[in-house]
Amino acid sequence: MLEKIQELDKDLLIYLNGLGSETYDKLWLIITQQLYWTPFFLFLFYLIYKKIGGKQTLYLLLFIAILIAFTDQTCNLFKHTFQRLRPCNDPEVNTIIRVVQVRQSFSFFSGHAANTMAVATFLFLVLKRHFKYLGFLFLWPLIFAYSRIYLGLHFPGDILAGYFFGAVFGFLIYLVYKRLKPQYFPG
């Protein structure tokens, strides 16, 4: 059963990665760099600040920092436990796919997918009553994680597992936030 899932994972990677073209490689290299998302983050936190104020925004940022640290460390634990090769380093697929970028670390599960999904889930749950179209926030983890497949750095299964762990951790941190918030911001 596990072999069948891995085979499906490789086939899906080959298909999705094969949709790429050299014309768009530079764009996806930019998309995968967190630094280039800074204007998006600043705009997002400006909107949050305008809706809930400075103190609550700082409180929210504290929870996001804890969330990212926890998600990132869990991801590293999994990577070192499973030691799954990245597609760019996997001899079964690296000659078939388009390898745009190479990393030497392990692949399972995607930290990019986990971190972005965790933050998106957390922010969505905290702020959904303040913003009508906040569901669009989930485009960020989708685009960001697809960049990892496009570049040959992650299998789709790594992305899906990252999404799952990110959503779970985002939800759990939201429950803690929701429980503690009335102590600091009643009403």
N, C-alpha and C. Protein backbone atom coordinates (compact mmCIF):
# COMPACT_ATOMS: atom_id res chain seq x y z
N MET A 1 0.82 -1.20 0.00
CA MET A 1 0.00 0.00 0.00
C MET A 1 0.87 1.27 0.00
N LEU A 2 1.89 1.30 0.88
CA LEU A 2 2.79 2.44 0.95
C LEU A 2 3.54 2.62 -0.37
N GLU A 3 3.93 1.51 -0.98
CA GLU A 3 4.63 1.59 -2.27
C GLU A 3 3.73 2.20 -3.35
N LYS A 4 2.45 1.84 -3.33
CA LYS A 4 1.49 2.37 -4.31
C LYS A 4 1.32 3.88 -4.11
N ILE A 5 1.24 4.32 -2.86
CA ILE A 5 1.12 5.75 -2.56
C ILE A 5 2.36 6.50 -3.03
N GLN A 6 3.54 5.93 -2.77
CA GLN A 6 4.79 6.57 -3.20
C GLN A 6 4.88 6.64 -4.72
N GLU A 7 4.41 5.61 -5.39
CA GLU A 7 4.41 5.60 -6.85
C GLU A 7 3.48 6.68 -7.40
N LEU A 8 2.30 6.80 -6.79
CA LEU A 8 1.35 7.84 -7.18
C LEU A 8 1.94 9.23 -6.94
N ASP A 9 2.63 9.37 -5.81
CA ASP A 9 3.27 10.63 -5.44
C ASP A 9 4.30 11.02 -6.50
N LYS A 10 5.11 10.06 -6.93
CA LYS A 10 6.13 10.33 -7.95
C LYS A 10 5.48 10.67 -9.29
N ASP A 11 4.44 9.96 -9.66
CA ASP A 11 3.75 10.24 -10.93
C ASP A 11 3.14 11.64 -10.92
N LEU A 12 2.53 12.02 -9.80
CA LEU A 12 1.94 13.35 -9.69
C LEU A 12 3.02 14.43 -9.74
N LEU A 13 4.16 14.18 -9.10
CA LEU A 13 5.28 15.12 -9.15
C LEU A 13 5.73 15.30 -10.60
N ILE A 14 5.92 14.20 -11.30
CA ILE A 14 6.39 14.27 -12.69
C ILE A 14 5.42 15.08 -13.53
N TYR A 15 4.13 14.87 -13.33
CA TYR A 15 3.12 15.62 -14.09
C TYR A 15 3.15 17.11 -13.74
N LEU A 16 3.05 17.44 -12.44
CA LEU A 16 2.98 18.84 -12.02
C LEU A 16 4.27 19.60 -12.33
N ASN A 17 5.39 18.96 -12.07
CA ASN A 17 6.67 19.59 -12.35
C ASN A 17 6.85 19.78 -13.86
N GLY A 18 6.32 18.85 -14.63
CA GLY A 18 6.44 18.92 -16.08
C GLY A 18 5.63 20.04 -16.71
N LEU A 19 4.73 20.64 -15.97
CA LEU A 19 3.95 21.77 -16.49
C LEU A 19 4.80 23.03 -16.60
N GLY A 20 5.97 23.01 -15.98
CA GLY A 20 6.83 24.19 -15.95
C GLY A 20 7.54 24.43 -17.27
N SER A 21 8.12 25.62 -17.38
CA SER A 21 8.88 25.98 -18.57
C SER A 21 9.98 26.96 -18.14
N GLU A 22 11.07 26.95 -18.87
CA GLU A 22 12.19 27.84 -18.54
C GLU A 22 11.76 29.30 -18.50
N THR A 23 10.75 29.64 -19.27
CA THR A 23 10.24 31.00 -19.32
C THR A 23 9.82 31.49 -17.94
N TYR A 24 9.27 30.58 -17.12
CA TYR A 24 8.72 30.97 -15.81
C TYR A 24 9.60 30.58 -14.62
N ASP A 25 10.75 30.00 -14.89
CA ASP A 25 11.62 29.55 -13.79
C ASP A 25 11.98 30.68 -12.83
N LYS A 26 12.36 31.84 -13.36
CA LYS A 26 12.75 32.96 -12.50
C LYS A 26 11.60 33.42 -11.62
N LEU A 27 10.38 33.43 -12.18
CA LEU A 27 9.21 33.81 -11.40
C LEU A 27 9.03 32.87 -10.21
N TRP A 28 9.12 31.57 -10.46
CA TRP A 28 8.91 30.59 -9.37
C TRP A 28 10.07 30.61 -8.38
N LEU A 29 11.27 30.97 -8.82
CA LEU A 29 12.37 31.14 -7.87
C LEU A 29 12.12 32.33 -6.95
N ILE A 30 11.50 33.36 -7.47
CA ILE A 30 11.13 34.52 -6.65
C ILE A 30 10.01 34.13 -5.68
N ILE A 31 9.00 33.43 -6.18
CA ILE A 31 7.85 33.04 -5.35
C ILE A 31 8.28 32.19 -4.17
N THR A 32 9.27 31.32 -4.35
CA THR A 32 9.66 30.40 -3.29
C THR A 32 10.50 31.06 -2.21
N GLN A 33 11.00 32.28 -2.45
CA GLN A 33 11.80 33.00 -1.47
C GLN A 33 10.89 33.79 -0.53
N GLN A 34 10.97 33.51 0.76
CA GLN A 34 10.10 34.17 1.73
C GLN A 34 10.31 35.68 1.78
N LEU A 35 11.52 36.12 1.51
CA LEU A 35 11.83 37.55 1.55
C LEU A 35 10.95 38.35 0.59
N TYR A 36 10.65 37.78 -0.56
CA TYR A 36 9.85 38.48 -1.56
C TYR A 36 8.37 38.60 -1.17
N TRP A 37 7.98 37.86 -0.15
CA TRP A 37 6.60 37.94 0.34
C TRP A 37 6.44 39.06 1.37
N THR A 38 7.52 39.74 1.73
CA THR A 38 7.49 40.78 2.76
C THR A 38 6.42 41.85 2.50
N PRO A 39 6.28 42.38 1.29
CA PRO A 39 5.21 43.38 1.07
C PRO A 39 3.82 42.81 1.38
N PHE A 40 3.59 41.56 1.04
CA PHE A 40 2.31 40.91 1.35
C PHE A 40 2.09 40.85 2.86
N PHE A 41 3.14 40.43 3.60
CA PHE A 41 3.04 40.34 5.05
C PHE A 41 2.80 41.71 5.68
N LEU A 42 3.52 42.70 5.21
CA LEU A 42 3.36 44.05 5.75
C LEU A 42 1.95 44.59 5.48
N PHE A 43 1.45 44.37 4.28
CA PHE A 43 0.09 44.80 3.95
C PHE A 43 -0.93 44.07 4.83
N LEU A 44 -0.74 42.77 4.99
CA LEU A 44 -1.64 41.96 5.81
C LEU A 44 -1.65 42.47 7.26
N PHE A 45 -0.48 42.72 7.81
CA PHE A 45 -0.43 43.17 9.20
C PHE A 45 -0.88 44.61 9.35
N TYR A 46 -0.76 45.41 8.31
CA TYR A 46 -1.33 46.75 8.34
C TYR A 46 -2.86 46.65 8.44
N LEU A 47 -3.46 45.77 7.63
CA LEU A 47 -4.92 45.58 7.69
C LEU A 47 -5.35 45.07 9.06
N ILE A 48 -4.59 44.14 9.60
CA ILE A 48 -4.90 43.59 10.93
C ILE A 48 -4.80 44.70 11.98
N TYR A 49 -3.73 45.46 11.91
CA TYR A 49 -3.52 46.57 12.86
C TYR A 49 -4.69 47.56 12.81
N LYS A 50 -5.15 47.87 11.61
CA LYS A 50 -6.26 48.81 11.46
C LYS A 50 -7.56 48.25 12.05
N LYS A 51 -7.73 46.94 12.02
CA LYS A 51 -8.96 46.31 12.51
C LYS A 51 -8.94 46.08 14.02
N ILE A 52 -7.80 45.62 14.56
CA ILE A 52 -7.80 45.21 15.97
C ILE A 52 -6.88 46.03 16.87
N GLY A 53 -6.10 46.93 16.29
CA GLY A 53 -5.25 47.80 17.11
C GLY A 53 -3.86 47.23 17.34
N GLY A 54 -2.99 48.07 17.86
CA GLY A 54 -1.57 47.74 18.04
C GLY A 54 -1.29 46.64 19.04
N LYS A 55 -1.89 46.73 20.24
CA LYS A 55 -1.60 45.74 21.29
C LYS A 55 -2.06 44.34 20.87
N GLN A 56 -3.26 44.25 20.31
CA GLN A 56 -3.75 42.94 19.89
C GLN A 56 -2.94 42.39 18.71
N THR A 57 -2.46 43.28 17.84
CA THR A 57 -1.63 42.84 16.72
C THR A 57 -0.32 42.27 17.24
N LEU A 58 0.28 42.92 18.23
CA LEU A 58 1.51 42.38 18.83
C LEU A 58 1.25 41.04 19.50
N TYR A 59 0.13 40.92 20.17
CA TYR A 59 -0.27 39.66 20.81
C TYR A 59 -0.42 38.57 19.75
N LEU A 60 -1.03 38.91 18.65
CA LEU A 60 -1.21 37.99 17.53
C LEU A 60 0.14 37.57 16.96
N LEU A 61 1.04 38.53 16.80
CA LEU A 61 2.38 38.23 16.28
C LEU A 61 3.15 37.28 17.20
N LEU A 62 2.97 37.42 18.50
CA LEU A 62 3.60 36.51 19.45
C LEU A 62 3.13 35.07 19.19
N PHE A 63 1.85 34.90 19.02
CA PHE A 63 1.31 33.57 18.74
C PHE A 63 1.80 33.03 17.39
N ILE A 64 1.92 33.89 16.41
CA ILE A 64 2.42 33.46 15.10
C ILE A 64 3.88 33.02 15.22
N ALA A 65 4.67 33.75 15.99
CA ALA A 65 6.07 33.37 16.18
C ALA A 65 6.17 32.00 16.86
N ILE A 66 5.37 31.78 17.88
CA ILE A 66 5.35 30.48 18.56
C ILE A 66 4.90 29.39 17.59
N LEU A 67 3.89 29.68 16.81
CA LEU A 67 3.36 28.72 15.84
C LEU A 67 4.41 28.33 14.82
N ILE A 68 5.10 29.31 14.24
CA ILE A 68 6.13 29.02 13.24
C ILE A 68 7.28 28.23 13.85
N ALA A 69 7.71 28.62 15.04
CA ALA A 69 8.80 27.89 15.70
C ALA A 69 8.41 26.43 15.95
N PHE A 70 7.22 26.21 16.45
CA PHE A 70 6.75 24.85 16.75
C PHE A 70 6.61 24.03 15.46
N THR A 71 5.99 24.62 14.44
CA THR A 71 5.79 23.92 13.17
C THR A 71 7.13 23.60 12.51
N ASP A 72 8.02 24.57 12.51
CA ASP A 72 9.32 24.39 11.88
C ASP A 72 10.14 23.30 12.57
N GLN A 73 10.14 23.30 13.89
CA GLN A 73 10.91 22.28 14.62
C GLN A 73 10.31 20.89 14.44
N THR A 74 8.99 20.80 14.40
CA THR A 74 8.34 19.51 14.15
C THR A 74 8.69 19.01 12.76
N CYS A 75 8.69 19.90 11.79
CA CYS A 75 9.04 19.55 10.43
C CYS A 75 10.48 19.01 10.37
N ASN A 76 11.40 19.69 11.03
CA ASN A 76 12.80 19.23 11.04
C ASN A 76 12.93 17.86 11.71
N LEU A 77 12.17 17.63 12.77
CA LEU A 77 12.18 16.32 13.43
C LEU A 77 11.74 15.23 12.46
N PHE A 78 10.66 15.49 11.72
CA PHE A 78 10.17 14.53 10.73
C PHE A 78 11.19 14.31 9.62
N LYS A 79 11.78 15.39 9.13
CA LYS A 79 12.75 15.27 8.04
C LYS A 79 13.92 14.38 8.45
N HIS A 80 14.42 14.57 9.66
CA HIS A 80 15.57 13.78 10.11
C HIS A 80 15.17 12.36 10.51
N THR A 81 13.92 12.15 10.84
CA THR A 81 13.44 10.81 11.17
C THR A 81 13.23 9.98 9.90
N PHE A 82 12.52 10.55 8.91
CA PHE A 82 12.18 9.79 7.70
C PHE A 82 13.27 9.83 6.64
N GLN A 83 14.04 10.90 6.60
CA GLN A 83 15.15 11.07 5.67
C GLN A 83 14.78 10.76 4.22
N ARG A 84 13.64 11.25 3.80
CA ARG A 84 13.21 11.07 2.41
C ARG A 84 13.98 12.04 1.54
N LEU A 85 14.54 11.54 0.46
CA LEU A 85 15.29 12.38 -0.46
C LEU A 85 14.35 13.36 -1.16
N ARG A 86 14.85 14.54 -1.40
CA ARG A 86 14.11 15.50 -2.20
C ARG A 86 14.09 14.98 -3.65
N PRO A 87 13.06 15.36 -4.41
CA PRO A 87 13.03 14.91 -5.81
C PRO A 87 14.29 15.26 -6.59
N CYS A 88 14.86 16.44 -6.33
CA CYS A 88 16.07 16.86 -7.03
C CYS A 88 17.26 15.95 -6.72
N ASN A 89 17.20 15.20 -5.63
CA ASN A 89 18.29 14.29 -5.23
C ASN A 89 17.92 12.82 -5.37
N ASP A 90 16.68 12.54 -5.73
CA ASP A 90 16.19 11.17 -5.82
C ASP A 90 16.54 10.59 -7.20
N PRO A 91 17.42 9.59 -7.25
CA PRO A 91 17.85 9.06 -8.56
C PRO A 91 16.71 8.45 -9.39
N GLU A 92 15.59 8.11 -8.74
CA GLU A 92 14.46 7.54 -9.49
C GLU A 92 13.73 8.60 -10.32
N VAL A 93 13.79 9.86 -9.90
CA VAL A 93 13.03 10.90 -10.62
C VAL A 93 13.85 12.09 -11.07
N ASN A 94 15.03 12.31 -10.53
CA ASN A 94 15.73 13.57 -10.84
C ASN A 94 16.21 13.68 -12.29
N THR A 95 16.23 12.57 -13.01
CA THR A 95 16.58 12.65 -14.43
C THR A 95 15.34 12.83 -15.30
N ILE A 96 14.15 12.67 -14.71
CA ILE A 96 12.89 12.76 -15.45
C ILE A 96 12.27 14.15 -15.29
N ILE A 97 12.42 14.74 -14.10
CA ILE A 97 11.77 16.02 -13.80
C ILE A 97 12.68 17.20 -14.17
N ARG A 98 12.08 18.36 -14.14
CA ARG A 98 12.83 19.60 -14.32
C ARG A 98 13.38 20.01 -12.95
N VAL A 99 14.66 19.95 -12.77
CA VAL A 99 15.28 20.37 -11.51
C VAL A 99 15.75 21.80 -11.70
N VAL A 100 15.04 22.73 -11.05
CA VAL A 100 15.34 24.14 -11.18
C VAL A 100 16.22 24.61 -10.02
N GLN A 101 16.05 23.96 -8.86
CA GLN A 101 16.82 24.33 -7.68
C GLN A 101 17.16 23.05 -6.92
N VAL A 102 18.31 23.05 -6.25
CA VAL A 102 18.75 21.88 -5.50
C VAL A 102 18.96 22.26 -4.04
N ARG A 103 18.50 21.42 -3.15
CA ARG A 103 18.74 21.54 -1.71
C ARG A 103 19.22 20.18 -1.22
N GLN A 104 20.07 20.17 -0.24
CA GLN A 104 20.62 18.91 0.26
C GLN A 104 19.84 18.33 1.44
N SER A 105 18.99 19.12 2.06
CA SER A 105 18.22 18.62 3.21
C SER A 105 17.16 17.63 2.74
N PHE A 106 16.48 17.03 3.69
CA PHE A 106 15.47 16.02 3.36
C PHE A 106 14.13 16.68 3.01
N SER A 107 13.20 15.84 2.57
CA SER A 107 11.99 16.34 1.93
C SER A 107 10.72 16.22 2.75
N PHE A 108 10.57 15.20 3.56
CA PHE A 108 9.28 14.93 4.21
C PHE A 108 9.26 15.45 5.64
N PHE A 109 8.37 16.35 5.95
CA PHE A 109 7.38 17.02 5.13
C PHE A 109 7.80 18.45 4.85
N SER A 110 7.11 19.13 3.97
CA SER A 110 7.49 20.46 3.54
C SER A 110 7.28 21.50 4.64
N GLY A 111 8.37 22.13 5.05
CA GLY A 111 8.28 23.21 6.03
C GLY A 111 7.58 24.43 5.46
N HIS A 112 7.81 24.72 4.17
CA HIS A 112 7.12 25.85 3.54
C HIS A 112 5.61 25.65 3.59
N ALA A 113 5.17 24.44 3.24
CA ALA A 113 3.73 24.15 3.25
C ALA A 113 3.17 24.19 4.67
N ALA A 114 3.90 23.60 5.60
CA ALA A 114 3.42 23.56 6.99
C ALA A 114 3.34 24.95 7.61
N ASN A 115 4.39 25.73 7.45
CA ASN A 115 4.41 27.07 8.06
C ASN A 115 3.34 27.98 7.47
N THR A 116 3.23 27.99 6.14
CA THR A 116 2.25 28.88 5.53
C THR A 116 0.82 28.46 5.84
N MET A 117 0.57 27.15 5.84
CA MET A 117 -0.78 26.68 6.15
C MET A 117 -1.11 26.93 7.63
N ALA A 118 -0.13 26.76 8.50
CA ALA A 118 -0.35 27.01 9.93
C ALA A 118 -0.73 28.47 10.16
N VAL A 119 0.02 29.38 9.58
CA VAL A 119 -0.25 30.80 9.77
C VAL A 119 -1.57 31.19 9.11
N ALA A 120 -1.82 30.68 7.91
CA ALA A 120 -3.08 31.01 7.22
C ALA A 120 -4.28 30.49 8.02
N THR A 121 -4.18 29.28 8.54
CA THR A 121 -5.28 28.70 9.32
C THR A 121 -5.51 29.52 10.59
N PHE A 122 -4.44 29.81 11.30
CA PHE A 122 -4.53 30.58 12.53
C PHE A 122 -5.15 31.96 12.28
N LEU A 123 -4.61 32.68 11.29
CA LEU A 123 -5.13 34.02 11.00
C LEU A 123 -6.58 33.97 10.53
N PHE A 124 -6.91 32.97 9.74
CA PHE A 124 -8.29 32.86 9.27
C PHE A 124 -9.24 32.67 10.45
N LEU A 125 -8.89 31.78 11.37
CA LEU A 125 -9.76 31.51 12.51
C LEU A 125 -9.89 32.72 13.44
N VAL A 126 -8.80 33.45 13.62
CA VAL A 126 -8.81 34.61 14.50
C VAL A 126 -9.55 35.80 13.87
N LEU A 127 -9.38 35.97 12.57
CA LEU A 127 -9.83 37.22 11.94
C LEU A 127 -11.04 37.08 11.01
N LYS A 128 -11.60 35.90 10.87
CA LYS A 128 -12.67 35.71 9.88
C LYS A 128 -13.87 36.62 10.12
N ARG A 129 -14.13 37.00 11.35
CA ARG A 129 -15.28 37.88 11.62
C ARG A 129 -14.98 39.33 11.26
N HIS A 130 -13.70 39.65 11.08
CA HIS A 130 -13.29 41.02 10.75
C HIS A 130 -13.18 41.28 9.24
N PHE A 131 -12.94 40.24 8.46
CA PHE A 131 -12.70 40.39 7.03
C PHE A 131 -13.61 39.45 6.24
N LYS A 132 -14.34 40.01 5.31
CA LYS A 132 -15.34 39.26 4.55
C LYS A 132 -14.71 38.19 3.64
N TYR A 133 -13.64 38.51 2.96
CA TYR A 133 -13.05 37.60 1.98
C TYR A 133 -11.71 37.02 2.44
N LEU A 134 -11.59 36.75 3.70
CA LEU A 134 -10.32 36.27 4.26
C LEU A 134 -9.93 34.89 3.72
N GLY A 135 -10.87 34.15 3.19
CA GLY A 135 -10.56 32.84 2.61
C GLY A 135 -9.51 32.91 1.51
N PHE A 136 -9.40 34.09 0.87
CA PHE A 136 -8.36 34.26 -0.15
C PHE A 136 -6.96 34.11 0.42
N LEU A 137 -6.84 34.22 1.72
CA LEU A 137 -5.55 34.05 2.38
C LEU A 137 -4.94 32.68 2.08
N PHE A 138 -5.80 31.68 1.83
CA PHE A 138 -5.31 30.33 1.57
C PHE A 138 -4.66 30.18 0.19
N LEU A 139 -4.77 31.20 -0.65
CA LEU A 139 -4.02 31.17 -1.91
C LEU A 139 -2.52 31.24 -1.66
N TRP A 140 -2.15 31.93 -0.60
CA TRP A 140 -0.73 32.06 -0.26
C TRP A 140 -0.06 30.70 -0.06
N PRO A 141 -0.57 29.81 0.82
CA PRO A 141 0.10 28.51 0.95
C PRO A 141 0.03 27.67 -0.32
N LEU A 142 -1.03 27.82 -1.10
CA LEU A 142 -1.14 27.04 -2.34
C LEU A 142 -0.07 27.44 -3.34
N ILE A 143 0.08 28.73 -3.57
CA ILE A 143 1.08 29.23 -4.52
C ILE A 143 2.48 28.94 -4.03
N PHE A 144 2.70 29.22 -2.75
CA PHE A 144 4.02 29.05 -2.16
C PHE A 144 4.45 27.58 -2.22
N ALA A 145 3.56 26.67 -1.88
CA ALA A 145 3.90 25.25 -1.88
C ALA A 145 4.06 24.69 -3.29
N TYR A 146 3.23 25.17 -4.24
CA TYR A 146 3.40 24.69 -5.61
C TYR A 146 4.79 25.05 -6.14
N SER A 147 5.32 26.18 -5.69
CA SER A 147 6.67 26.57 -6.13
C SER A 147 7.69 25.49 -5.77
N ARG A 148 7.47 24.80 -4.68
CA ARG A 148 8.39 23.75 -4.25
C ARG A 148 8.34 22.53 -5.18
N ILE A 149 7.16 22.22 -5.68
CA ILE A 149 7.00 21.13 -6.66
C ILE A 149 7.59 21.57 -8.00
N TYR A 150 7.27 22.78 -8.41
CA TYR A 150 7.76 23.32 -9.68
C TYR A 150 9.28 23.26 -9.74
N LEU A 151 9.93 23.63 -8.64
CA LEU A 151 11.40 23.69 -8.62
C LEU A 151 12.06 22.32 -8.45
N GLY A 152 11.27 21.29 -8.15
CA GLY A 152 11.82 19.95 -7.96
C GLY A 152 12.31 19.70 -6.55
N LEU A 153 11.78 20.45 -5.58
CA LEU A 153 12.26 20.34 -4.20
C LEU A 153 11.38 19.48 -3.29
N HIS A 154 10.12 19.27 -3.67
CA HIS A 154 9.22 18.46 -2.84
C HIS A 154 8.29 17.63 -3.69
N PHE A 155 7.95 16.47 -3.16
CA PHE A 155 6.90 15.64 -3.73
C PHE A 155 5.56 16.20 -3.29
N PRO A 156 4.49 15.98 -4.06
CA PRO A 156 3.16 16.44 -3.63
C PRO A 156 2.76 15.89 -2.25
N GLY A 157 3.16 14.67 -1.94
CA GLY A 157 2.85 14.10 -0.62
C GLY A 157 3.50 14.88 0.52
N ASP A 158 4.69 15.41 0.27
CA ASP A 158 5.37 16.25 1.27
C ASP A 158 4.56 17.52 1.53
N ILE A 159 4.01 18.05 0.44
CA ILE A 159 3.19 19.27 0.53
C ILE A 159 1.90 18.98 1.29
N LEU A 160 1.23 17.89 0.92
CA LEU A 160 -0.04 17.55 1.58
C LEU A 160 0.16 17.27 3.07
N ALA A 161 1.23 16.55 3.40
CA ALA A 161 1.52 16.30 4.82
C ALA A 161 1.82 17.62 5.54
N GLY A 162 2.55 18.51 4.88
CA GLY A 162 2.82 19.83 5.46
C GLY A 162 1.55 20.61 5.68
N TYR A 163 0.65 20.56 4.70
CA TYR A 163 -0.65 21.23 4.86
C TYR A 163 -1.41 20.67 6.05
N PHE A 164 -1.42 19.36 6.17
CA PHE A 164 -2.15 18.71 7.26
C PHE A 164 -1.59 19.15 8.61
N PHE A 165 -0.28 19.02 8.79
CA PHE A 165 0.32 19.40 10.07
C PHE A 165 0.16 20.90 10.32
N GLY A 166 0.32 21.71 9.29
CA GLY A 166 0.13 23.15 9.45
C GLY A 166 -1.27 23.51 9.89
N ALA A 167 -2.26 22.90 9.26
CA ALA A 167 -3.66 23.18 9.62
C ALA A 167 -3.96 22.74 11.05
N VAL A 168 -3.45 21.57 11.43
CA VAL A 168 -3.66 21.07 12.80
C VAL A 168 -3.00 22.00 13.80
N PHE A 169 -1.73 22.36 13.57
CA PHE A 169 -1.02 23.23 14.51
C PHE A 169 -1.66 24.62 14.55
N GLY A 170 -2.07 25.13 13.39
CA GLY A 170 -2.75 26.44 13.36
C GLY A 170 -4.03 26.42 14.17
N PHE A 171 -4.78 25.34 14.06
CA PHE A 171 -6.02 25.20 14.82
C PHE A 171 -5.74 25.08 16.32
N LEU A 172 -4.74 24.28 16.70
CA LEU A 172 -4.41 24.09 18.12
C LEU A 172 -3.93 25.40 18.76
N ILE A 173 -3.09 26.14 18.05
CA ILE A 173 -2.62 27.42 18.58
C ILE A 173 -3.78 28.42 18.66
N TYR A 174 -4.70 28.33 17.72
CA TYR A 174 -5.90 29.17 17.77
C TYR A 174 -6.70 28.88 19.05
N LEU A 175 -6.84 27.61 19.41
CA LEU A 175 -7.58 27.26 20.63
C LEU A 175 -6.90 27.85 21.87
N VAL A 176 -5.57 27.82 21.90
CA VAL A 176 -4.83 28.41 23.02
C VAL A 176 -5.04 29.93 23.01
N TYR A 177 -4.92 30.53 21.84
CA TYR A 177 -5.13 31.98 21.70
C TYR A 177 -6.52 32.38 22.18
N LYS A 178 -7.52 31.64 21.73
CA LYS A 178 -8.90 31.93 22.08
C LYS A 178 -9.13 31.82 23.60
N ARG A 179 -8.46 30.85 24.21
CA ARG A 179 -8.60 30.66 25.67
C ARG A 179 -7.91 31.77 26.46
N LEU A 180 -6.74 32.23 25.99
CA LEU A 180 -5.96 33.22 26.72
C LEU A 180 -6.37 34.67 26.42
N LYS A 181 -6.91 34.90 25.25
CA LYS A 181 -7.22 36.28 24.84
C LYS A 181 -8.10 37.04 25.82
N PRO A 182 -9.18 36.45 26.38
CA PRO A 182 -10.02 37.22 27.30
C PRO A 182 -9.28 37.72 28.54
N GLN A 183 -8.20 37.06 28.93
CA GLN A 183 -7.44 37.51 30.09
C GLN A 183 -6.74 38.85 29.81
N TYR A 184 -6.35 39.06 28.53
CA TYR A 184 -5.58 40.25 28.16
C TYR A 184 -6.41 41.27 27.41
N PHE A 185 -7.44 40.80 26.71
CA PHE A 185 -8.29 41.69 25.92
C PHE A 185 -9.75 41.31 26.13
N PRO A 186 -10.30 41.63 27.29
CA PRO A 186 -11.70 41.28 27.56
C PRO A 186 -12.66 42.03 26.64
N GLY A 187 -13.77 41.36 26.36
CA GLY A 187 -14.81 42.01 25.58
C GLY A 187 -14.74 41.79 24.15
